[in-house]
Amino acid sequence: MKLKIGRLCLAMAISVVGLVSLPKISTAQEATPENLETSDAPSSLILYGSTRSRSQVVAWYLAELGIDYQAEAIDLGAGENEQPEYLAINPMGKLPALVDGDFSIWESGAILWYLAYKYDDMPSELTEQAQIVQWILFANSTLGNGLF
């Protein structure tokens, strides 16, 4: 049980602090449009992100869970995040966003929380769940502002 808590907490908190070097989307190399695909098989999960966004934390967590997904690079410099197609997924135009079939969710902490429940990686004990949420919120609000 503690391992599950640690994996989710560390995926958010430690990576935001920058204490460890995280693998980029599915590999240890920089994510580019050429290497963003995680497999040739279609996946119901699509992660929208870029190399210098919190999408890397979500990609790392998906890798830790062993979940196949399709990664879609969004070029912020070209304004792809402001296009109607992307705004339909995330009306804030920020990264990351995750699409799971007909469901879409944005905000890295919310995505991590969703994935933990979907893939049964969330402990059943309320106090352990609260600790996970505490670290996700801390990383996003306190640590993340200056780092991303």
N, C-alpha and C. Protein backbone atom coordinates (compact mmCIF):
# COMPACT_ATOMS: atom_id res chain seq x y z
N MET A 1 0.83 -1.20 0.00
CA MET A 1 0.00 0.00 0.00
C MET A 1 0.87 1.26 0.00
N LYS A 2 1.92 1.26 0.82
CA LYS A 2 2.80 2.43 0.89
C LYS A 2 3.48 2.67 -0.45
N LEU A 3 3.79 1.60 -1.18
CA LEU A 3 4.43 1.75 -2.48
C LEU A 3 3.52 2.51 -3.44
N LYS A 4 2.21 2.20 -3.43
CA LYS A 4 1.27 2.91 -4.28
C LYS A 4 1.24 4.39 -3.94
N ILE A 5 1.19 4.71 -2.67
CA ILE A 5 1.19 6.11 -2.25
C ILE A 5 2.47 6.78 -2.71
N GLY A 6 3.57 6.12 -2.48
CA GLY A 6 4.85 6.71 -2.86
C GLY A 6 4.96 6.95 -4.34
N ARG A 7 4.51 6.01 -5.14
CA ARG A 7 4.62 6.15 -6.59
C ARG A 7 3.85 7.37 -7.07
N LEU A 8 2.61 7.54 -6.62
CA LEU A 8 1.81 8.67 -7.07
C LEU A 8 2.32 9.99 -6.50
N CYS A 9 2.67 10.00 -5.22
CA CYS A 9 3.19 11.22 -4.61
C CYS A 9 4.49 11.65 -5.28
N LEU A 10 5.38 10.69 -5.47
CA LEU A 10 6.65 11.02 -6.08
C LEU A 10 6.50 11.46 -7.53
N ALA A 11 5.55 10.86 -8.23
CA ALA A 11 5.34 11.25 -9.62
C ALA A 11 5.03 12.73 -9.74
N MET A 12 4.34 13.26 -8.74
CA MET A 12 3.99 14.67 -8.78
C MET A 12 4.99 15.54 -8.04
N ALA A 13 5.23 15.24 -6.80
CA ALA A 13 6.01 16.13 -5.94
C ALA A 13 7.49 16.15 -6.28
N ILE A 14 8.15 15.01 -6.30
CA ILE A 14 9.58 15.00 -6.51
C ILE A 14 9.93 15.48 -7.90
N SER A 15 9.15 15.10 -8.90
CA SER A 15 9.47 15.54 -10.25
C SER A 15 9.32 17.05 -10.39
N VAL A 16 8.36 17.63 -9.71
CA VAL A 16 8.19 19.08 -9.78
C VAL A 16 9.36 19.78 -9.11
N VAL A 17 9.83 19.25 -8.00
CA VAL A 17 10.96 19.84 -7.30
C VAL A 17 12.22 19.72 -8.14
N GLY A 18 12.28 18.69 -8.98
CA GLY A 18 13.43 18.51 -9.84
C GLY A 18 14.57 17.76 -9.16
N LEU A 19 14.27 16.99 -8.12
CA LEU A 19 15.30 16.25 -7.42
C LEU A 19 15.79 15.05 -8.20
N VAL A 20 14.98 14.58 -9.10
CA VAL A 20 15.38 13.46 -9.94
C VAL A 20 15.13 13.83 -11.39
N SER A 21 15.88 13.22 -12.26
CA SER A 21 15.68 13.43 -13.69
C SER A 21 14.69 12.40 -14.18
N LEU A 22 13.55 12.85 -14.64
CA LEU A 22 12.50 11.94 -15.08
C LEU A 22 12.70 11.55 -16.53
N PRO A 23 12.27 10.34 -16.88
CA PRO A 23 12.28 9.99 -18.29
C PRO A 23 11.27 10.85 -19.03
N LYS A 24 11.60 11.20 -20.23
CA LYS A 24 10.66 11.95 -21.06
C LYS A 24 9.59 10.98 -21.55
N ILE A 25 8.64 11.46 -22.29
CA ILE A 25 7.49 10.64 -22.67
C ILE A 25 7.97 9.30 -23.22
N SER A 26 7.80 8.28 -22.41
CA SER A 26 8.07 6.87 -22.65
C SER A 26 9.53 6.52 -22.88
N THR A 27 10.45 7.47 -22.96
CA THR A 27 11.87 7.16 -23.08
C THR A 27 12.66 8.23 -22.36
N ALA A 28 13.97 8.05 -22.30
CA ALA A 28 14.81 9.03 -21.63
C ALA A 28 15.28 10.11 -22.59
N GLN A 29 14.79 10.15 -23.80
CA GLN A 29 15.21 11.17 -24.74
C GLN A 29 14.20 12.30 -24.80
N GLU A 30 14.60 13.42 -25.38
CA GLU A 30 13.68 14.53 -25.55
C GLU A 30 12.52 14.11 -26.44
N ALA A 31 11.34 14.54 -26.07
CA ALA A 31 10.16 14.21 -26.88
C ALA A 31 10.10 15.13 -28.07
N THR A 32 9.95 14.54 -29.22
CA THR A 32 9.79 15.29 -30.47
C THR A 32 8.59 14.68 -31.19
N PRO A 33 8.05 15.36 -32.18
CA PRO A 33 6.93 14.76 -32.90
C PRO A 33 7.25 13.37 -33.45
N GLU A 34 8.53 13.11 -33.79
CA GLU A 34 8.91 11.82 -34.35
C GLU A 34 8.90 10.69 -33.32
N ASN A 35 9.17 10.99 -32.05
CA ASN A 35 9.27 9.90 -31.07
C ASN A 35 8.19 9.93 -30.00
N LEU A 36 7.15 10.69 -30.20
CA LEU A 36 6.11 10.78 -29.18
C LEU A 36 5.20 9.57 -29.14
N GLU A 37 5.03 8.86 -30.21
CA GLU A 37 4.13 7.72 -30.20
C GLU A 37 4.68 6.65 -29.28
N THR A 38 3.83 6.10 -28.43
CA THR A 38 4.28 5.07 -27.50
C THR A 38 4.09 3.67 -28.08
N SER A 39 3.23 3.52 -29.03
CA SER A 39 3.07 2.22 -29.69
C SER A 39 2.30 2.45 -30.99
N ASP A 40 2.33 1.43 -31.84
CA ASP A 40 1.58 1.53 -33.10
C ASP A 40 0.11 1.17 -32.90
N ALA A 41 -0.19 0.50 -31.82
CA ALA A 41 -1.57 0.10 -31.55
C ALA A 41 -2.39 1.29 -31.08
N PRO A 42 -3.62 1.41 -31.57
CA PRO A 42 -4.45 2.51 -31.11
C PRO A 42 -4.74 2.36 -29.61
N SER A 43 -4.79 3.46 -28.93
CA SER A 43 -5.06 3.45 -27.51
C SER A 43 -6.24 4.36 -27.23
N SER A 44 -6.99 4.02 -26.19
CA SER A 44 -8.10 4.89 -25.84
C SER A 44 -7.60 6.12 -25.08
N LEU A 45 -6.37 6.08 -24.56
CA LEU A 45 -5.80 7.23 -23.85
C LEU A 45 -4.93 8.05 -24.78
N ILE A 46 -5.19 9.34 -24.80
CA ILE A 46 -4.37 10.28 -25.56
C ILE A 46 -3.91 11.35 -24.61
N LEU A 47 -2.58 11.51 -24.48
CA LEU A 47 -2.00 12.53 -23.63
C LEU A 47 -1.48 13.66 -24.50
N TYR A 48 -2.03 14.85 -24.30
CA TYR A 48 -1.59 16.03 -25.02
C TYR A 48 -0.58 16.77 -24.16
N GLY A 49 0.58 17.09 -24.73
CA GLY A 49 1.59 17.75 -23.92
C GLY A 49 2.76 18.24 -24.74
N SER A 50 3.80 18.65 -24.03
CA SER A 50 5.06 19.07 -24.63
C SER A 50 6.18 18.73 -23.66
N THR A 51 7.41 18.84 -24.13
CA THR A 51 8.55 18.43 -23.31
C THR A 51 8.72 19.28 -22.07
N ARG A 52 8.36 20.51 -22.11
CA ARG A 52 8.55 21.38 -20.94
C ARG A 52 7.21 21.75 -20.33
N SER A 53 6.46 20.73 -20.01
CA SER A 53 5.18 20.94 -19.35
C SER A 53 4.97 19.82 -18.34
N ARG A 54 3.96 19.95 -17.56
CA ARG A 54 3.65 18.92 -16.56
C ARG A 54 3.14 17.64 -17.19
N SER A 55 2.98 17.63 -18.49
CA SER A 55 2.60 16.39 -19.16
C SER A 55 3.65 15.32 -18.95
N GLN A 56 4.90 15.71 -18.72
CA GLN A 56 5.96 14.75 -18.47
C GLN A 56 5.69 13.95 -17.19
N VAL A 57 5.09 14.58 -16.19
CA VAL A 57 4.76 13.89 -14.94
C VAL A 57 3.69 12.84 -15.22
N VAL A 58 2.70 13.19 -16.02
CA VAL A 58 1.63 12.25 -16.36
C VAL A 58 2.20 11.10 -17.18
N ALA A 59 3.09 11.41 -18.14
CA ALA A 59 3.71 10.36 -18.95
C ALA A 59 4.50 9.40 -18.08
N TRP A 60 5.21 9.95 -17.09
CA TRP A 60 5.99 9.11 -16.19
C TRP A 60 5.07 8.18 -15.39
N TYR A 61 3.97 8.72 -14.89
CA TYR A 61 3.05 7.90 -14.11
C TYR A 61 2.43 6.80 -14.97
N LEU A 62 2.05 7.12 -16.20
CA LEU A 62 1.53 6.11 -17.10
C LEU A 62 2.56 5.01 -17.35
N ALA A 63 3.83 5.40 -17.50
CA ALA A 63 4.89 4.42 -17.69
C ALA A 63 5.05 3.55 -16.44
N GLU A 64 4.97 4.17 -15.27
CA GLU A 64 5.06 3.41 -14.01
C GLU A 64 3.92 2.40 -13.90
N LEU A 65 2.76 2.77 -14.37
CA LEU A 65 1.60 1.87 -14.33
C LEU A 65 1.64 0.82 -15.44
N GLY A 66 2.49 1.03 -16.45
CA GLY A 66 2.55 0.13 -17.59
C GLY A 66 1.37 0.27 -18.53
N ILE A 67 0.83 1.47 -18.63
CA ILE A 67 -0.36 1.72 -19.44
C ILE A 67 0.04 2.28 -20.81
N ASP A 68 -0.46 1.66 -21.87
CA ASP A 68 -0.24 2.18 -23.21
C ASP A 68 -1.09 3.42 -23.44
N TYR A 69 -0.53 4.37 -24.14
CA TYR A 69 -1.25 5.59 -24.47
C TYR A 69 -0.65 6.18 -25.73
N GLN A 70 -1.37 7.07 -26.32
CA GLN A 70 -0.88 7.81 -27.48
C GLN A 70 -0.53 9.20 -27.00
N ALA A 71 0.66 9.67 -27.34
CA ALA A 71 1.08 11.01 -26.95
C ALA A 71 0.96 11.93 -28.16
N GLU A 72 0.37 13.08 -27.94
CA GLU A 72 0.21 14.09 -28.99
C GLU A 72 0.96 15.35 -28.57
N ALA A 73 1.94 15.72 -29.35
CA ALA A 73 2.72 16.93 -29.07
C ALA A 73 1.91 18.16 -29.44
N ILE A 74 1.87 19.11 -28.53
CA ILE A 74 1.21 20.40 -28.78
C ILE A 74 2.30 21.46 -28.80
N ASP A 75 2.41 22.16 -29.91
CA ASP A 75 3.42 23.21 -30.07
C ASP A 75 2.84 24.53 -29.55
N LEU A 76 3.24 24.89 -28.34
CA LEU A 76 2.75 26.14 -27.74
C LEU A 76 3.22 27.35 -28.54
N GLY A 77 4.44 27.31 -29.03
CA GLY A 77 4.98 28.43 -29.80
C GLY A 77 4.20 28.70 -31.07
N ALA A 78 3.66 27.65 -31.66
CA ALA A 78 2.86 27.80 -32.88
C ALA A 78 1.39 28.07 -32.58
N GLY A 79 1.04 28.09 -31.29
CA GLY A 79 -0.33 28.38 -30.91
C GLY A 79 -1.30 27.23 -31.07
N GLU A 80 -0.78 26.00 -31.17
CA GLU A 80 -1.67 24.85 -31.33
C GLU A 80 -2.62 24.69 -30.15
N ASN A 81 -2.22 25.18 -29.00
CA ASN A 81 -3.07 25.10 -27.81
C ASN A 81 -4.23 26.09 -27.86
N GLU A 82 -4.23 26.99 -28.81
CA GLU A 82 -5.29 27.99 -28.95
C GLU A 82 -6.24 27.67 -30.10
N GLN A 83 -6.04 26.53 -30.72
CA GLN A 83 -6.89 26.12 -31.84
C GLN A 83 -8.20 25.52 -31.30
N PRO A 84 -9.29 25.70 -32.00
CA PRO A 84 -10.59 25.21 -31.53
C PRO A 84 -10.60 23.72 -31.20
N GLU A 85 -9.84 22.90 -31.96
CA GLU A 85 -9.82 21.47 -31.70
C GLU A 85 -9.25 21.17 -30.31
N TYR A 86 -8.19 21.89 -29.94
CA TYR A 86 -7.60 21.64 -28.62
C TYR A 86 -8.44 22.30 -27.52
N LEU A 87 -8.96 23.48 -27.78
CA LEU A 87 -9.80 24.15 -26.78
C LEU A 87 -11.06 23.35 -26.45
N ALA A 88 -11.50 22.50 -27.38
CA ALA A 88 -12.64 21.61 -27.10
C ALA A 88 -12.25 20.56 -26.05
N ILE A 89 -10.97 20.23 -25.97
CA ILE A 89 -10.46 19.28 -24.99
C ILE A 89 -10.14 20.00 -23.68
N ASN A 90 -9.45 21.13 -23.78
CA ASN A 90 -9.08 21.92 -22.61
C ASN A 90 -9.39 23.39 -22.90
N PRO A 91 -10.50 23.89 -22.41
CA PRO A 91 -10.90 25.27 -22.71
C PRO A 91 -9.93 26.32 -22.16
N MET A 92 -9.04 25.92 -21.26
CA MET A 92 -8.03 26.85 -20.75
C MET A 92 -6.84 26.95 -21.69
N GLY A 93 -6.70 26.00 -22.60
CA GLY A 93 -5.60 26.01 -23.56
C GLY A 93 -4.25 25.67 -22.94
N LYS A 94 -4.24 25.05 -21.79
CA LYS A 94 -2.99 24.70 -21.10
C LYS A 94 -2.68 23.22 -21.28
N LEU A 95 -1.47 22.86 -20.90
CA LEU A 95 -1.04 21.47 -20.94
C LEU A 95 -0.79 20.98 -19.53
N PRO A 96 -1.02 19.73 -19.29
CA PRO A 96 -1.46 18.66 -20.18
C PRO A 96 -2.97 18.51 -20.21
N ALA A 97 -3.39 17.65 -21.10
CA ALA A 97 -4.79 17.20 -21.15
C ALA A 97 -4.76 15.73 -21.51
N LEU A 98 -5.75 15.01 -21.04
CA LEU A 98 -5.85 13.59 -21.31
C LEU A 98 -7.25 13.31 -21.84
N VAL A 99 -7.31 12.52 -22.92
CA VAL A 99 -8.59 12.07 -23.46
C VAL A 99 -8.63 10.57 -23.29
N ASP A 100 -9.73 10.10 -22.71
CA ASP A 100 -9.95 8.68 -22.48
C ASP A 100 -11.31 8.35 -23.07
N GLY A 101 -11.31 7.93 -24.32
CA GLY A 101 -12.58 7.68 -25.02
C GLY A 101 -13.33 8.98 -25.20
N ASP A 102 -14.54 9.07 -24.63
CA ASP A 102 -15.36 10.27 -24.74
C ASP A 102 -15.11 11.25 -23.61
N PHE A 103 -14.24 10.90 -22.69
CA PHE A 103 -13.97 11.72 -21.50
C PHE A 103 -12.66 12.46 -21.67
N SER A 104 -12.65 13.74 -21.31
CA SER A 104 -11.39 14.48 -21.31
C SER A 104 -11.22 15.17 -19.96
N ILE A 105 -9.96 15.28 -19.55
CA ILE A 105 -9.63 15.91 -18.28
C ILE A 105 -8.32 16.66 -18.46
N TRP A 106 -8.20 17.77 -17.78
CA TRP A 106 -6.97 18.56 -17.84
C TRP A 106 -6.56 18.93 -16.43
N GLU A 107 -5.38 19.43 -16.30
CA GLU A 107 -4.73 19.77 -15.02
C GLU A 107 -4.01 18.51 -14.53
N SER A 108 -2.70 18.58 -14.44
CA SER A 108 -1.89 17.39 -14.16
C SER A 108 -2.30 16.67 -12.88
N GLY A 109 -2.57 17.40 -11.82
CA GLY A 109 -2.98 16.76 -10.57
C GLY A 109 -4.29 15.99 -10.72
N ALA A 110 -5.24 16.57 -11.42
CA ALA A 110 -6.52 15.90 -11.64
C ALA A 110 -6.34 14.67 -12.52
N ILE A 111 -5.46 14.76 -13.49
CA ILE A 111 -5.18 13.61 -14.36
C ILE A 111 -4.56 12.48 -13.55
N LEU A 112 -3.58 12.80 -12.70
CA LEU A 112 -2.95 11.77 -11.86
C LEU A 112 -3.98 11.11 -10.95
N TRP A 113 -4.83 11.91 -10.36
CA TRP A 113 -5.87 11.38 -9.47
C TRP A 113 -6.80 10.44 -10.24
N TYR A 114 -7.24 10.88 -11.42
CA TYR A 114 -8.12 10.07 -12.27
C TYR A 114 -7.46 8.74 -12.63
N LEU A 115 -6.20 8.79 -13.06
CA LEU A 115 -5.50 7.57 -13.46
C LEU A 115 -5.32 6.62 -12.27
N ALA A 116 -5.02 7.17 -11.11
CA ALA A 116 -4.84 6.33 -9.92
C ALA A 116 -6.11 5.55 -9.61
N TYR A 117 -7.26 6.20 -9.74
CA TYR A 117 -8.52 5.50 -9.49
C TYR A 117 -8.86 4.54 -10.64
N LYS A 118 -8.67 4.99 -11.85
CA LYS A 118 -9.02 4.16 -13.00
C LYS A 118 -8.24 2.86 -13.01
N TYR A 119 -6.96 2.92 -12.69
CA TYR A 119 -6.10 1.74 -12.75
C TYR A 119 -5.83 1.13 -11.38
N ASP A 120 -6.73 1.39 -10.44
CA ASP A 120 -6.70 0.77 -9.12
C ASP A 120 -5.36 0.92 -8.42
N ASP A 121 -4.79 2.13 -8.51
CA ASP A 121 -3.52 2.42 -7.85
C ASP A 121 -3.73 3.37 -6.67
N MET A 122 -4.98 3.59 -6.31
CA MET A 122 -5.30 4.46 -5.17
C MET A 122 -5.64 3.57 -3.98
N PRO A 123 -5.03 3.83 -2.85
CA PRO A 123 -5.35 3.01 -1.67
C PRO A 123 -6.79 3.22 -1.23
N SER A 124 -7.32 2.26 -0.50
CA SER A 124 -8.70 2.38 -0.04
C SER A 124 -8.79 3.20 1.25
N GLU A 125 -7.72 3.32 1.98
CA GLU A 125 -7.71 4.05 3.25
C GLU A 125 -7.80 5.56 2.99
N LEU A 126 -8.78 6.20 3.60
CA LEU A 126 -9.01 7.63 3.41
C LEU A 126 -7.79 8.47 3.77
N THR A 127 -7.12 8.15 4.86
CA THR A 127 -5.96 8.97 5.27
C THR A 127 -4.83 8.87 4.25
N GLU A 128 -4.65 7.70 3.65
CA GLU A 128 -3.62 7.56 2.61
C GLU A 128 -4.01 8.32 1.35
N GLN A 129 -5.30 8.28 1.00
CA GLN A 129 -5.78 9.05 -0.15
C GLN A 129 -5.55 10.55 0.09
N ALA A 130 -5.84 10.99 1.31
CA ALA A 130 -5.67 12.40 1.64
C ALA A 130 -4.22 12.83 1.52
N GLN A 131 -3.29 11.96 1.90
CA GLN A 131 -1.87 12.29 1.76
C GLN A 131 -1.48 12.44 0.29
N ILE A 132 -2.01 11.57 -0.55
CA ILE A 132 -1.72 11.67 -1.98
C ILE A 132 -2.25 12.99 -2.53
N VAL A 133 -3.49 13.31 -2.22
CA VAL A 133 -4.08 14.57 -2.70
C VAL A 133 -3.29 15.76 -2.15
N GLN A 134 -2.88 15.69 -0.89
CA GLN A 134 -2.07 16.76 -0.29
C GLN A 134 -0.82 17.03 -1.11
N TRP A 135 -0.08 15.97 -1.47
CA TRP A 135 1.15 16.16 -2.23
C TRP A 135 0.89 16.65 -3.65
N ILE A 136 -0.18 16.15 -4.26
CA ILE A 136 -0.51 16.62 -5.61
C ILE A 136 -0.82 18.11 -5.58
N LEU A 137 -1.64 18.54 -4.62
CA LEU A 137 -2.00 19.96 -4.52
C LEU A 137 -0.78 20.81 -4.16
N PHE A 138 0.03 20.34 -3.25
CA PHE A 138 1.24 21.06 -2.86
C PHE A 138 2.16 21.25 -4.06
N ALA A 139 2.38 20.17 -4.79
CA ALA A 139 3.28 20.25 -5.94
C ALA A 139 2.73 21.20 -7.00
N ASN A 140 1.44 21.14 -7.26
CA ASN A 140 0.86 22.02 -8.28
C ASN A 140 0.80 23.47 -7.85
N SER A 141 0.42 23.73 -6.61
CA SER A 141 0.21 25.12 -6.20
C SER A 141 1.46 25.79 -5.66
N THR A 142 2.20 25.11 -4.82
CA THR A 142 3.33 25.74 -4.16
C THR A 142 4.62 25.58 -4.94
N LEU A 143 4.94 24.39 -5.35
CA LEU A 143 6.21 24.14 -6.02
C LEU A 143 6.19 24.45 -7.51
N GLY A 144 5.08 24.11 -8.15
CA GLY A 144 5.03 24.19 -9.60
C GLY A 144 5.07 25.58 -10.20
N ASN A 145 4.60 26.57 -9.48
CA ASN A 145 4.49 27.92 -10.06
C ASN A 145 5.82 28.43 -10.59
N GLY A 146 6.88 28.25 -9.85
CA GLY A 146 8.18 28.77 -10.30
C GLY A 146 8.94 27.84 -11.21
N LEU A 147 8.51 26.58 -11.30
CA LEU A 147 9.26 25.60 -12.07
C LEU A 147 8.75 25.36 -13.46
N PHE A 148 7.47 25.56 -13.68
CA PHE A 148 6.91 25.33 -15.01
C PHE A 148 6.48 26.66 -15.54
